[in-house]
Protein backbone atom coordinates (compact mmCIF):
# COMPACT_ATOMS: atom_id res chain seq x y z
CA UNK A 1 0.00 0.00 0.00
CA UNK A 2 1.46 3.37 -1.02
CA UNK A 3 1.17 6.29 1.33
CA UNK A 4 -0.18 9.52 -0.10
CA UNK A 5 1.87 12.65 0.59
CA UNK A 6 0.20 14.67 3.31
CA UNK A 7 0.63 18.42 3.04
CA UNK A 8 -0.22 20.89 5.72
CA UNK A 9 -2.29 23.89 4.62
CA UNK A 10 0.00 26.16 6.62
CA UNK A 11 3.26 26.96 4.96
CA UNK A 12 5.87 29.48 3.91
CA UNK A 13 8.03 29.54 0.81
CA UNK A 14 10.29 32.05 -0.83
CA UNK A 15 12.72 32.52 -3.67
CA UNK A 16 15.13 35.30 -4.57
CA UNK A 17 16.60 35.86 -8.01
CA UNK A 18 19.36 38.38 -8.65
CA UNK A 19 19.64 39.54 -12.26
CA UNK A 20 21.79 42.39 -13.62
CA UNK A 21 18.80 44.78 -13.95
CA UNK A 22 16.63 43.61 -11.04
CA UNK A 23 16.40 41.62 -7.85
CA UNK A 24 13.15 39.90 -7.02
CA UNK A 25 11.90 37.99 -4.01
CA UNK A 26 8.67 36.03 -3.92
CA UNK A 27 7.12 35.09 -0.56
CA UNK A 28 4.19 32.71 -0.15
CA UNK A 29 2.34 32.27 3.14
CA UNK A 30 -0.70 30.08 3.58
CA UNK A 31 -3.27 29.02 6.13
CA UNK A 32 -6.15 26.59 5.93
CA UNK A 33 -9.20 27.48 3.86
CA UNK A 34 -11.87 25.46 2.10
CA UNK A 35 -11.14 27.00 -1.31
CA UNK A 36 -8.07 28.46 -2.95
CA UNK A 37 -8.08 32.15 -2.05
CA UNK A 38 -5.03 34.03 -3.34
CA UNK A 39 -4.12 37.57 -2.30
CA UNK A 40 -1.50 39.18 -4.55
CA UNK A 41 0.84 41.95 -3.45
CA UNK A 42 2.87 43.11 -6.43
CA UNK A 43 3.68 46.40 -8.16
CA UNK A 44 0.75 47.77 -10.17
CA UNK A 45 2.62 47.78 -13.46
CA UNK A 46 2.82 43.97 -13.28
CA UNK A 47 -0.93 43.38 -12.82
CA UNK A 48 -1.28 42.02 -16.36
CA UNK A 49 0.83 39.00 -15.32
CA UNK A 50 -1.37 37.93 -12.40
CA UNK A 51 -3.52 35.53 -14.43
CA UNK A 52 -0.38 33.68 -15.56
CA UNK A 53 0.92 33.62 -12.00
CA UNK A 54 -2.45 32.30 -10.79
CA UNK A 55 -2.14 29.32 -13.16
CA UNK A 56 1.34 28.61 -11.79
CA UNK A 57 0.05 28.68 -8.22
CA UNK A 58 -2.92 26.43 -9.06
CA UNK A 59 -0.48 23.74 -10.25
CA UNK A 60 0.91 23.71 -6.69
CA UNK A 61 -2.26 24.11 -4.59
CA UNK A 62 -5.99 23.51 -4.76
CA UNK A 63 -7.09 25.10 -1.52
CA UNK A 64 -5.93 27.40 1.25
CA UNK A 65 -5.66 31.12 1.82
CA UNK A 66 -2.39 32.11 0.19
CA UNK A 67 -0.72 35.50 0.45
CA UNK A 68 1.75 36.03 -2.36
CA UNK A 69 4.10 38.99 -2.05
CA UNK A 70 6.59 40.18 -4.64
CA UNK A 71 9.47 42.40 -3.56
CA UNK A 72 11.07 43.90 -6.65
CA UNK A 73 14.07 46.18 -6.92
CA UNK A 74 14.67 47.50 -10.43
CA UNK A 75 17.98 48.85 -11.64
CA UNK A 76 16.59 50.50 -14.80
CA UNK A 77 13.91 53.17 -14.64
CA UNK A 78 12.45 52.21 -18.02
CA UNK A 79 11.43 48.82 -16.61
CA UNK A 80 8.98 50.46 -14.19
CA UNK A 81 6.43 51.44 -16.82
CA UNK A 82 5.77 54.90 -15.41
CA UNK A 83 6.14 58.34 -16.92
CA UNK A 84 5.79 61.94 -15.86
CA UNK A 85 2.62 63.66 -17.04
CA UNK A 86 4.54 66.56 -18.55
CA UNK A 87 1.43 68.43 -19.68
CA UNK A 88 -0.02 68.43 -16.15
CA UNK A 89 3.32 69.35 -14.53
CA UNK A 90 3.86 72.15 -17.08
CA UNK A 91 0.34 73.52 -16.55
CA UNK A 92 0.83 73.51 -12.78
CA UNK A 93 4.15 75.37 -13.06
CA UNK A 94 2.63 77.93 -15.49
CA UNK A 95 -0.25 78.57 -13.10
CA UNK A 96 2.08 78.98 -10.13
CA UNK A 97 4.40 81.27 -12.10
CA UNK A 98 1.43 83.39 -13.21
CA UNK A 99 0.08 83.50 -9.65
CA UNK A 100 3.49 84.54 -8.25
CA UNK A 101 3.79 87.31 -10.85
CA UNK A 102 0.29 88.60 -10.09
CA UNK A 103 1.22 88.80 -6.40
CA UNK A 104 4.61 90.35 -7.17
CA UNK A 105 6.34 87.35 -5.58
CA UNK A 106 9.59 85.75 -6.55
CA UNK A 107 8.96 82.17 -7.66
CA UNK A 108 11.61 79.51 -7.99
CA UNK A 109 10.04 76.06 -8.40
CA UNK A 110 11.38 73.20 -6.33
CA UNK A 111 11.25 70.31 -8.78
CA UNK A 112 11.92 67.77 -6.04
CA UNK A 113 8.49 68.64 -4.62
CA UNK A 114 6.91 67.67 -7.94
CA UNK A 115 8.22 64.13 -7.39
CA UNK A 116 5.86 63.80 -4.41
CA UNK A 117 2.70 64.68 -6.36
CA UNK A 118 1.41 61.21 -7.15
CA UNK A 119 -1.05 62.16 -9.88
CA UNK A 120 1.81 63.53 -12.00
CA UNK A 121 3.09 59.97 -12.40
CA UNK A 122 1.20 57.70 -14.77
CA UNK A 123 1.29 54.02 -15.60
CA UNK A 124 2.02 53.74 -19.31
CA UNK A 125 0.04 50.45 -19.51
CA UNK A 126 2.55 48.62 -21.64
CA UNK A 127 3.38 44.97 -21.17
CA UNK A 128 6.26 44.31 -18.78
CA UNK A 129 9.70 43.59 -20.22
CA UNK A 130 9.66 39.96 -21.50
CA UNK A 131 12.93 39.08 -19.72
CA UNK A 132 11.55 40.48 -16.46
CA UNK A 133 8.28 38.55 -16.93
CA UNK A 134 10.22 35.31 -17.53
CA UNK A 135 12.36 35.91 -14.45
CA UNK A 136 9.25 36.58 -12.35
CA UNK A 137 7.63 33.35 -13.58
CA UNK A 138 10.78 31.37 -12.80
CA UNK A 139 11.03 32.91 -9.33
CA UNK A 140 7.38 32.18 -8.55
CA UNK A 141 7.82 28.55 -9.63
CA UNK A 142 10.83 28.16 -7.30
CA UNK A 143 8.99 29.86 -4.42
CA UNK A 144 5.92 27.65 -4.93
CA UNK A 145 8.09 24.52 -4.91
CA UNK A 146 9.82 25.74 -1.74
CA UNK A 147 6.39 26.43 -0.21
CA UNK A 148 5.19 22.90 -1.05
CA UNK A 149 8.33 21.37 0.46
CA UNK A 150 7.63 23.24 3.70
CA UNK A 151 3.99 22.12 3.65
CA UNK A 152 5.03 18.51 3.00
CA UNK A 153 7.53 18.60 5.87
CA UNK A 154 4.90 19.97 8.23
CA UNK A 155 2.35 17.45 6.95
CA UNK A 156 4.75 14.58 7.63
CA UNK A 157 5.45 15.94 11.11
CA UNK A 158 1.71 16.07 11.81
CA UNK A 159 1.25 12.53 10.47
CA UNK A 160 4.10 11.24 12.65
CA UNK A 161 2.62 12.99 15.69
CA UNK A 162 -0.87 11.57 15.06
CA UNK A 163 0.55 8.07 14.44
CA UNK A 164 2.56 8.18 17.68
CA UNK A 165 -0.50 9.29 19.61
CA UNK A 166 -2.70 6.57 18.14
């Protein structure tokens, strides 16, 4: 009689990949749940990849509440998929310049303050860099395997404990 692998619903897995233009770390945490309930925490510009990631995760789990977090550090600004809304920033500066002149005030804009105005930054809605997307998929696969190993280890520990008690 073969023994089926017992996996705990509770688990943790992670994977880190260091590439020349980025470093990424996936973390998966799970607890028991009747259905598969996945909560994604990833940068907004990568949202288009979530359905692919979901398929990857479903190959590793069928139930449980799983929190999946992506920590991503990019070395190239163009990979972020954001741009400055130059028209809006220019209009704001023109209005402030005009206002300062009408009040006979000296105006010297502090461009670093513009960096903190969130609505001046826009997602350019393009697909993520293919090499980055491939690296993210690879990292998620490694993290999911690591997560399953941890769940299997805990499941075996629980089985051993129950067997000893019986």
